[in-house]
Amino acid sequence: MAGEFPLVIVTPSSMAFEGEARSVLAPGTDGYFEVLIGHVPMLTSLRPGVLTIRNDEGRTQYTVSGGFVEVLRAQVTVLAETFEEVDAIDVDRAKQAEERARQRLGSGEEDVDLGRARASLDRALNRIKATQQ
């Protein structure tokens, strides 16, 4: 269809999305950017945030916790660490994950993987913030 481009979103565990898009608004490491049809080819990294897809069906928002976006002339591919529709987020579960991550970070225990705990906290906060927008 005119004005749309193929979009593929892949996570480590699945093909999360495959369809057409008019635009993709994504949280790049240097700030949000938007991809429209005819965008110049590029490769960039993602930070945790909300990725918005616009197509003929409307606008849908998803949380991502990092990854990469590859824009080619014929297709856009997102390689996301995580990808979840904002409307499907269980806020109580996200708040519990936030609390667990904060406890791990504040425990002072030597066997705590601080990088993993910080990443878990970032994901939980991203999910909570996305539901409040």
C-alpha atoms as a PDB file:
ATOM      1  CA  MET A   1       0.000   0.000   0.000  1.00  0.00           C
ATOM      2  CA  ALA A   2       1.258   3.497  -0.824  1.00  0.00           C
ATOM      3  CA  GLY A   3       2.682   5.340   2.146  1.00  0.00           C
ATOM      4  CA  GLU A   4       3.489   2.229   4.147  1.00  0.00           C
ATOM      5  CA  PHE A   5       6.567   0.087   4.540  1.00  0.00           C
ATOM      6  CA  PRO A   6       7.176  -3.455   5.833  1.00  0.00           C
ATOM      7  CA  LEU A   7       8.036  -3.592   9.539  1.00  0.00           C
ATOM      8  CA  VAL A   8       9.455  -6.602  11.364  1.00  0.00           C
ATOM      9  CA  ILE A   9      10.079  -6.712  15.118  1.00  0.00           C
ATOM     10  CA  VAL A  10      12.072  -9.610  16.546  1.00  0.00           C
ATOM     11  CA  THR A  11      12.893 -10.444  20.162  1.00  0.00           C
ATOM     12  CA  PRO A  12      15.276 -13.141  21.386  1.00  0.00           C
ATOM     13  CA  SER A  13      12.307 -15.475  21.842  1.00  0.00           C
ATOM     14  CA  SER A  14       9.946 -14.692  18.957  1.00  0.00           C
ATOM     15  CA  MET A  15       8.868 -12.831  15.848  1.00  0.00           C
ATOM     16  CA  ALA A  16       6.909 -10.212  17.795  1.00  0.00           C
ATOM     17  CA  PHE A  17       5.429  -8.189  14.921  1.00  0.00           C
ATOM     18  CA  GLU A  18       5.272  -8.419  11.156  1.00  0.00           C
ATOM     19  CA  GLY A  19       3.161  -6.000   9.170  1.00  0.00           C
ATOM     20  CA  GLU A  20       2.916  -2.631   7.464  1.00  0.00           C
ATOM     21  CA  ALA A  21       3.542   0.770   9.055  1.00  0.00           C
ATOM     22  CA  ARG A  22       3.150   4.394   8.060  1.00  0.00           C
ATOM     23  CA  SER A  23       5.537   5.475  10.785  1.00  0.00           C
ATOM     24  CA  VAL A  24       7.547   4.144  13.688  1.00  0.00           C
ATOM     25  CA  LEU A  25       8.469   6.426  16.586  1.00  0.00           C
ATOM     26  CA  ALA A  26      11.279   4.832  18.592  1.00  0.00           C
ATOM     27  CA  PRO A  27      13.381   5.642  21.678  1.00  0.00           C
ATOM     28  CA  GLY A  28      16.913   5.927  20.310  1.00  0.00           C
ATOM     29  CA  THR A  29      19.882   6.256  22.616  1.00  0.00           C
ATOM     30  CA  ASP A  30      20.255   9.876  21.440  1.00  0.00           C
ATOM     31  CA  GLY A  31      16.530  10.627  21.731  1.00  0.00           C
ATOM     32  CA  TYR A  32      13.302   9.670  20.027  1.00  0.00           C
ATOM     33  CA  PHE A  33      13.309   9.423  16.231  1.00  0.00           C
ATOM     34  CA  GLU A  34      10.621   8.721  13.652  1.00  0.00           C
ATOM     35  CA  VAL A  35      10.891   6.544  10.559  1.00  0.00           C
ATOM     36  CA  LEU A  36       8.616   7.337   7.611  1.00  0.00           C
ATOM     37  CA  ILE A  37       8.478   5.814   4.136  1.00  0.00           C
ATOM     38  CA  GLY A  38      11.574   6.738   2.152  1.00  0.00           C
ATOM     39  CA  HIS A  39      13.719   7.258   5.260  1.00  0.00           C
ATOM     40  CA  VAL A  40      17.434   7.191   4.641  1.00  0.00           C
ATOM     41  CA  PRO A  41      18.993   3.801   5.499  1.00  0.00           C
ATOM     42  CA  MET A  42      20.479   3.692   8.985  1.00  0.00           C
ATOM     43  CA  LEU A  43      21.338   1.491  11.943  1.00  0.00           C
ATOM     44  CA  THR A  44      20.873   2.795  15.473  1.00  0.00           C
ATOM     45  CA  SER A  45      20.470   1.528  19.007  1.00  0.00           C
ATOM     46  CA  LEU A  46      17.417   1.697  21.268  1.00  0.00           C
ATOM     47  CA  ARG A  47      17.105   2.600  24.925  1.00  0.00           C
ATOM     48  CA  PRO A  48      14.187   1.630  27.172  1.00  0.00           C
ATOM     49  CA  GLY A  49      11.057   3.516  26.190  1.00  0.00           C
ATOM     50  CA  VAL A  50       7.852   3.423  24.193  1.00  0.00           C
ATOM     51  CA  LEU A  51       7.836   2.448  20.510  1.00  0.00           C
ATOM     52  CA  THR A  52       4.795   3.676  18.576  1.00  0.00           C
ATOM     53  CA  ILE A  53       3.585   2.092  15.331  1.00  0.00           C
ATOM     54  CA  ARG A  54       1.106   3.940  13.124  1.00  0.00           C
ATOM     55  CA  ASN A  55      -0.679   2.145  10.282  1.00  0.00           C
ATOM     56  CA  ASP A  56      -4.122   1.943   8.670  1.00  0.00           C
ATOM     57  CA  GLU A  57      -5.466   0.329  11.848  1.00  0.00           C
ATOM     58  CA  GLY A  58      -4.427   3.279  14.010  1.00  0.00           C
ATOM     59  CA  ARG A  59      -1.706   3.779  16.570  1.00  0.00           C
ATOM     60  CA  THR A  60      -0.339   1.106  18.895  1.00  0.00           C
ATOM     61  CA  GLN A  61       2.271   1.608  21.608  1.00  0.00           C
ATOM     62  CA  TYR A  62       4.756  -0.954  22.895  1.00  0.00           C
ATOM     63  CA  THR A  63       7.488  -0.907  25.503  1.00  0.00           C
ATOM     64  CA  VAL A  64      10.998  -1.884  24.490  1.00  0.00           C
ATOM     65  CA  SER A  65      13.960  -2.250  26.806  1.00  0.00           C
ATOM     66  CA  GLY A  66      16.737  -1.785  24.302  1.00  0.00           C
ATOM     67  CA  GLY A  67      17.952  -3.218  21.047  1.00  0.00           C
ATOM     68  CA  PHE A  68      18.581  -1.968  17.520  1.00  0.00           C
ATOM     69  CA  VAL A  69      16.685  -0.551  14.541  1.00  0.00           C
ATOM     70  CA  GLU A  70      17.798  -1.175  10.975  1.00  0.00           C
ATOM     71  CA  VAL A  71      16.192   1.002   8.309  1.00  0.00           C
ATOM     72  CA  LEU A  72      16.649  -0.181   4.723  1.00  0.00           C
ATOM     73  CA  ARG A  73      14.990   1.098   1.567  1.00  0.00           C
ATOM     74  CA  ALA A  74      12.545  -1.825   1.484  1.00  0.00           C
ATOM     75  CA  GLN A  75      12.018  -2.674   5.168  1.00  0.00           C
ATOM     76  CA  VAL A  76      12.477  -1.620   8.785  1.00  0.00           C
ATOM     77  CA  THR A  77      13.660  -4.233  11.277  1.00  0.00           C
ATOM     78  CA  VAL A  78      13.645  -3.805  15.043  1.00  0.00           C
ATOM     79  CA  LEU A  79      15.712  -6.191  17.144  1.00  0.00           C
ATOM     80  CA  ALA A  80      14.305  -5.621  20.633  1.00  0.00           C
ATOM     81  CA  GLU A  81      15.411  -7.106  23.931  1.00  0.00           C
ATOM     82  CA  THR A  82      11.767  -6.996  25.037  1.00  0.00           C
ATOM     83  CA  PHE A  83       8.584  -5.902  23.261  1.00  0.00           C
ATOM     84  CA  GLU A  84       5.205  -5.610  24.981  1.00  0.00           C
ATOM     85  CA  GLU A  85       1.982  -3.841  24.056  1.00  0.00           C
ATOM     86  CA  VAL A  86       1.324  -1.071  26.576  1.00  0.00           C
ATOM     87  CA  ASP A  87      -2.370  -2.010  26.859  1.00  0.00           C
ATOM     88  CA  ALA A  88      -1.359  -5.533  27.948  1.00  0.00           C
ATOM     89  CA  ILE A  89       0.904  -4.456  30.825  1.00  0.00           C
ATOM     90  CA  ASP A  90      -0.069  -5.693  34.279  1.00  0.00           C
ATOM     91  CA  VAL A  91       0.773  -2.627  36.391  1.00  0.00           C
ATOM     92  CA  ASP A  92       0.679  -4.512  39.709  1.00  0.00           C
ATOM     93  CA  ARG A  93       3.133  -7.083  38.369  1.00  0.00           C
ATOM     94  CA  ALA A  94       5.403  -4.298  37.068  1.00  0.00           C
ATOM     95  CA  LYS A  95       5.349  -2.612  40.500  1.00  0.00           C
ATOM     96  CA  GLN A  96       6.250  -5.914  42.163  1.00  0.00           C
ATOM     97  CA  ALA A  97       9.167  -6.303  39.738  1.00  0.00           C
ATOM     98  CA  GLU A  98      10.290  -2.769  40.583  1.00  0.00           C
ATOM     99  CA  GLU A  99      10.212  -3.547  44.303  1.00  0.00           C
ATOM    100  CA  ARG A 100      12.164  -6.802  43.860  1.00  0.00           C
ATOM    101  CA  ALA A 101      14.810  -5.026  41.783  1.00  0.00           C
ATOM    102  CA  ARG A 102      15.147  -2.223  44.345  1.00  0.00           C
ATOM    103  CA  GLN A 103      15.527  -4.806  47.128  1.00  0.00           C
ATOM    104  CA  ARG A 104      18.272  -6.613  45.201  1.00  0.00           C
ATOM    105  CA  LEU A 105      20.091  -3.350  44.501  1.00  0.00           C
ATOM    106  CA  GLY A 106      19.853  -2.233  48.120  1.00  0.00           C
ATOM    107  CA  SER A 107      20.672  -5.585  49.710  1.00  0.00           C
ATOM    108  CA  GLY A 108      24.435  -5.115  49.724  1.00  0.00           C
ATOM    109  CA  GLU A 109      24.864  -8.816  49.072  1.00  0.00           C
ATOM    110  CA  GLU A 110      27.984  -9.730  47.111  1.00  0.00           C
ATOM    111  CA  ASP A 111      26.287 -12.340  44.940  1.00  0.00           C
ATOM    112  CA  VAL A 112      23.794  -9.834  43.459  1.00  0.00           C
ATOM    113  CA  ASP A 113      24.380  -9.174  39.758  1.00  0.00           C
ATOM    114  CA  LEU A 114      24.082  -5.379  39.845  1.00  0.00           C
ATOM    115  CA  GLY A 115      23.884  -4.985  36.068  1.00  0.00           C
ATOM    116  CA  ARG A 116      21.036  -7.463  35.842  1.00  0.00           C
ATOM    117  CA  ALA A 117      19.235  -5.857  38.798  1.00  0.00           C
ATOM    118  CA  ARG A 118      19.566  -2.366  37.238  1.00  0.00           C
ATOM    119  CA  ALA A 119      18.267  -3.679  33.896  1.00  0.00           C
ATOM    120  CA  SER A 120      15.317  -5.281  35.701  1.00  0.00           C
ATOM    121  CA  LEU A 121      14.571  -2.007  37.483  1.00  0.00           C
ATOM    122  CA  ASP A 122      14.781  -0.057  34.193  1.00  0.00           C
ATOM    123  CA  ARG A 123      12.334  -2.483  32.525  1.00  0.00           C
ATOM    124  CA  ALA A 124       9.872  -2.254  35.406  1.00  0.00           C
ATOM    125  CA  LEU A 125      10.012   1.551  35.526  1.00  0.00           C
ATOM    126  CA  ASN A 126       9.609   1.725  31.743  1.00  0.00           C
ATOM    127  CA  ARG A 127       6.514  -0.488  31.889  1.00  0.00           C
ATOM    128  CA  ILE A 128       4.970   1.547  34.721  1.00  0.00           C
ATOM    129  CA  LYS A 129       5.710   4.900  33.035  1.00  0.00           C
ATOM    130  CA  ALA A 130       4.248   3.677  29.725  1.00  0.00           C
ATOM    131  CA  THR A 131       0.904   2.875  31.370  1.00  0.00           C
ATOM    132  CA  GLN A 132       0.710   6.372  32.887  1.00  0.00           C
ATOM    133  CA  GLN A 133       1.032   8.263  29.600  1.00  0.00           C
END
